[in-house]
Each structure stands twice: as C-alpha cells, then as structure tokens.
Amino acid sequence: MSQGNEKGVPNWILFLFMGTIVLGGLYAIFMHGFLGYNQDNAYRPGYIEPADAGCTFADIPANTAAARANGEATYKNVCAACHGQNMEGQIGPSLADAEWWHTPSPAPVQDVACIVVKGVNPPKTKGNAGPMPARGNGALSDREIFEVLYFVGSKNNSLVTNQ
C-alpha cells in the first residue's frame, strides 16, 4: 500500500460538497414543506378552527346600496391601509381575488365577519403578512363590519353576502 501523496479529491472539498447536500435538503424541508404541508396551505380550511366558532352578531344590516356606501367609507378609513385602496393587498392579503386564507372559498360573510372581529395573529398569517388586529369589541360595530363586507362582496363575488 502506498503512503505517498496520491492525486485524489482533497477532503475539504468532499466536506463542502456533502455539507451543501445536507444543508440543501434541510432548507428544502423547512422552507418548502415536507409531504405537501407548507406555509401556503398550512392555514387553509382543515388546518384551523372554523372561523365562525364563538361569534355572534347582534346587529346585521340588510345588504342595501346605502349599507355598501357606508361600508366603502369605512373601508377607506379603516381597512385600506393594510388591504389597499383597491383591495389589492399590501400588508394584509388581497380582498380582490378569490383566495380566502381562513375560510372556504367562496367565503361566507359570517365567517369573514368573525375573522374581522377576532383578528388574525401570527403564526396564522400567511407569508409576510402582518397580524390583523381584532376589530370587534367596540373598534367597529357589527353593523360597520357587515357594511364593509357588503362593499367588499360587491367588488368580489367570492365573498357570499346574500342573507
């Protein structure tokens, strides 16, 4: 057996190669999910409690043109900072598309109203979205919440607002 300096791959290169493989595998598992469970689908229906659990509403207005106009004004003053002037999403998710993160799609208005009342705190938010502050308990009345949702539903037919 030869004890001399043989021409082979240096050990440090093998160490870097194997380290890259191991770290790449760990990155794939933790950042992109394992067996289909990832950040994007972690909070879809079936992964969290039903949105309407424990929510009751005392004052649900009728879905009228006046209610939608009031809802538009409230949306622009309270909701647009996070959801965008045109509901396109900024800090919070888009309300203009058909994807509802915490309810089935199409989304029942009472489920979404419950989310507005309770808020959404990390880690139940998706991606880089910030927390949704709870708007119940006096921040917005039941009437104002439903008026905003009627306005959103008039622009997005994936929010079911008919009573």
Protein backbone atom coordinates (compact mmCIF):
# COMPACT_ATOMS: atom_id res chain seq x y z
CA MET A 1 0.00 0.00 0.00
CA SER A 2 1.36 3.36 -0.96
CA GLN A 3 1.76 6.00 1.75
CA GLY A 4 2.68 8.82 -0.63
CA ASN A 5 0.72 11.88 -1.74
CA GLU A 6 -1.91 10.48 -4.07
CA LYS A 7 -3.80 12.59 -6.54
CA GLY A 8 -7.39 12.48 -5.33
CA VAL A 9 -10.07 14.88 -4.22
CA PRO A 10 -8.98 16.77 -1.10
CA ASN A 11 -11.06 16.02 1.99
CA TRP A 12 -12.10 19.65 2.44
CA ILE A 13 -13.77 19.65 -0.98
CA LEU A 14 -15.68 16.47 -0.10
CA PHE A 15 -16.71 18.06 3.20
CA LEU A 16 -18.03 21.19 1.40
CA PHE A 17 -19.87 19.06 -1.17
CA MET A 18 -21.56 16.87 1.45
CA GLY A 19 -22.35 19.89 3.63
CA THR A 20 -24.03 21.57 0.67
CA ILE A 21 -26.15 18.48 0.02
CA VAL A 22 -27.22 18.18 3.66
CA LEU A 23 -27.95 21.90 4.10
CA GLY A 24 -29.85 21.99 0.79
CA GLY A 25 -32.03 19.10 1.94
CA LEU A 26 -32.74 20.77 5.28
CA TYR A 27 -33.58 24.03 3.52
CA ALA A 28 -35.99 22.25 1.18
CA ILE A 29 -37.75 20.51 4.06
CA PHE A 30 -38.07 23.50 6.37
CA MET A 31 -38.68 26.27 3.86
CA HIS A 32 -40.73 24.47 1.23
CA GLY A 33 -42.57 21.95 3.28
CA PHE A 34 -42.50 18.24 3.77
CA LEU A 35 -45.08 15.92 2.24
CA GLY A 36 -47.22 18.80 0.95
CA TYR A 37 -47.52 20.69 4.24
CA ASN A 38 -46.13 24.17 3.76
CA GLN A 39 -46.74 27.77 4.82
CA ASP A 40 -49.09 28.46 1.92
CA ASN A 41 -51.53 25.68 2.72
CA ALA A 42 -50.99 25.45 6.47
CA TYR A 43 -53.93 27.73 7.27
CA ARG A 44 -56.37 26.64 4.60
CA PRO A 45 -59.63 25.03 5.74
CA GLY A 46 -58.98 21.88 7.67
CA TYR A 47 -55.90 23.25 9.39
CA ILE A 48 -57.56 25.80 11.68
CA GLU A 49 -60.74 26.03 13.71
CA PRO A 50 -63.89 27.13 11.87
CA ALA A 51 -63.88 30.91 11.51
CA ASP A 52 -67.36 31.36 12.99
CA ALA A 53 -66.58 29.43 16.20
CA GLY A 54 -67.88 31.53 19.07
CA CYS A 55 -69.03 34.54 17.04
CA THR A 56 -72.48 36.05 17.43
CA PHE A 57 -73.69 39.27 15.89
CA ALA A 58 -76.39 41.47 17.35
CA ASP A 59 -76.85 43.96 14.50
CA ILE A 60 -76.63 42.56 10.96
CA PRO A 61 -77.93 45.14 8.48
CA ALA A 62 -79.58 44.35 5.18
CA ASN A 63 -77.33 44.33 2.11
CA THR A 64 -78.54 47.57 0.51
CA ALA A 65 -76.93 50.27 -1.61
CA ALA A 66 -76.79 52.55 1.45
CA ALA A 67 -75.08 49.83 3.51
CA ARG A 68 -72.49 49.27 0.75
CA ALA A 69 -71.84 53.05 0.51
CA ASN A 70 -71.32 53.24 4.28
CA GLY A 71 -69.06 50.19 4.02
CA GLU A 72 -66.98 51.82 1.30
CA ALA A 73 -66.38 54.88 3.50
CA THR A 74 -65.43 52.70 6.49
CA TYR A 75 -63.19 50.53 4.30
CA LYS A 76 -61.28 53.57 3.04
CA ASN A 77 -60.80 54.91 6.59
CA VAL A 78 -60.01 51.67 8.43
CA CYS A 79 -59.14 48.81 6.07
CA ALA A 80 -57.39 50.33 3.07
CA ALA A 81 -54.13 50.98 4.91
CA CYS A 82 -53.46 47.23 5.02
CA HIS A 83 -55.65 45.81 2.25
CA GLY A 84 -55.06 48.59 -0.32
CA GLN A 85 -57.32 51.29 -1.73
CA ASN A 86 -58.48 48.87 -4.44
CA MET A 87 -58.43 45.78 -2.19
CA GLU A 88 -55.25 44.63 -3.96
CA GLY A 89 -53.47 43.80 -0.70
CA GLN A 90 -50.43 45.39 0.88
CA ILE A 91 -49.55 44.40 4.44
CA GLY A 92 -52.75 42.35 4.54
CA PRO A 93 -53.96 39.99 1.83
CA SER A 94 -55.79 40.95 -1.32
CA LEU A 95 -59.55 41.07 -0.96
CA ALA A 96 -60.00 41.32 -4.73
CA ASP A 97 -59.08 37.74 -5.64
CA ALA A 98 -60.94 34.50 -4.96
CA GLU A 99 -58.47 33.20 -2.35
CA TRP A 100 -59.66 33.37 1.24
CA TRP A 101 -56.98 32.17 3.63
CA HIS A 102 -59.08 31.28 6.66
CA THR A 103 -62.43 30.24 5.22
CA PRO A 104 -63.67 28.06 2.41
CA SER A 105 -63.97 29.73 -0.97
CA PRO A 106 -66.45 31.14 -1.76
CA ALA A 107 -66.31 32.72 1.68
CA PRO A 108 -69.48 33.01 3.77
CA VAL A 109 -69.88 36.59 5.03
CA GLN A 110 -70.41 35.49 8.65
CA ASP A 111 -67.11 33.56 8.64
CA VAL A 112 -65.22 36.58 7.33
CA ALA A 113 -67.04 38.84 9.82
CA CYS A 114 -65.82 36.58 12.62
CA ILE A 115 -62.24 36.89 11.34
CA VAL A 116 -62.62 40.68 11.36
CA VAL A 117 -63.97 40.60 14.93
CA LYS A 118 -61.29 38.24 16.28
CA GLY A 119 -58.33 39.34 14.15
CA VAL A 120 -55.54 37.06 12.95
CA ASN A 121 -52.25 36.81 14.79
CA PRO A 122 -49.04 35.15 13.62
CA PRO A 123 -48.38 32.33 13.03
CA LYS A 124 -51.82 32.09 11.39
CA THR A 125 -50.97 34.80 8.87
CA LYS A 126 -49.56 33.75 5.52
CA GLY A 127 -46.23 34.70 4.05
CA ASN A 128 -45.04 38.13 5.12
CA ALA A 129 -48.50 39.38 6.10
CA GLY A 130 -48.65 41.23 9.37
CA PRO A 131 -51.21 40.48 12.04
CA MET A 132 -54.82 41.54 11.50
CA PRO A 133 -55.93 43.47 14.57
CA ALA A 134 -59.23 42.45 16.11
CA ARG A 135 -61.89 44.96 15.06
CA GLY A 136 -64.59 43.73 17.44
CA ASN A 137 -65.18 44.91 20.99
CA GLY A 138 -66.02 48.45 20.02
CA ALA A 139 -63.37 49.14 17.38
CA LEU A 140 -66.07 48.59 14.75
CA SER A 141 -69.71 47.77 15.40
CA ASP A 142 -71.33 44.67 13.95
CA ARG A 143 -73.21 46.94 11.57
CA GLU A 144 -69.99 48.60 10.33
CA ILE A 145 -68.25 45.24 9.85
CA PHE A 146 -71.11 43.86 7.76
CA GLU A 147 -71.37 47.07 5.75
CA VAL A 148 -67.67 46.83 4.88
CA LEU A 149 -68.10 43.18 3.92
CA TYR A 150 -71.12 44.03 1.76
CA PHE A 151 -68.95 46.62 -0.01
CA VAL A 152 -66.13 44.07 -0.49
CA GLY A 153 -68.65 41.49 -1.70
CA SER A 154 -69.98 43.95 -4.28
CA LYS A 155 -66.47 44.01 -5.80
CA ASN A 156 -65.57 40.35 -5.23
CA ASN A 157 -68.20 37.71 -5.90
CA SER A 158 -66.20 35.06 -3.99
CA LEU A 159 -67.49 36.67 -0.76
CA VAL A 160 -71.04 35.39 -0.33
CA THR A 161 -73.02 38.29 1.14
CA ASN A 162 -76.61 37.26 0.39
CA GLN A 163 -78.58 36.60 3.57
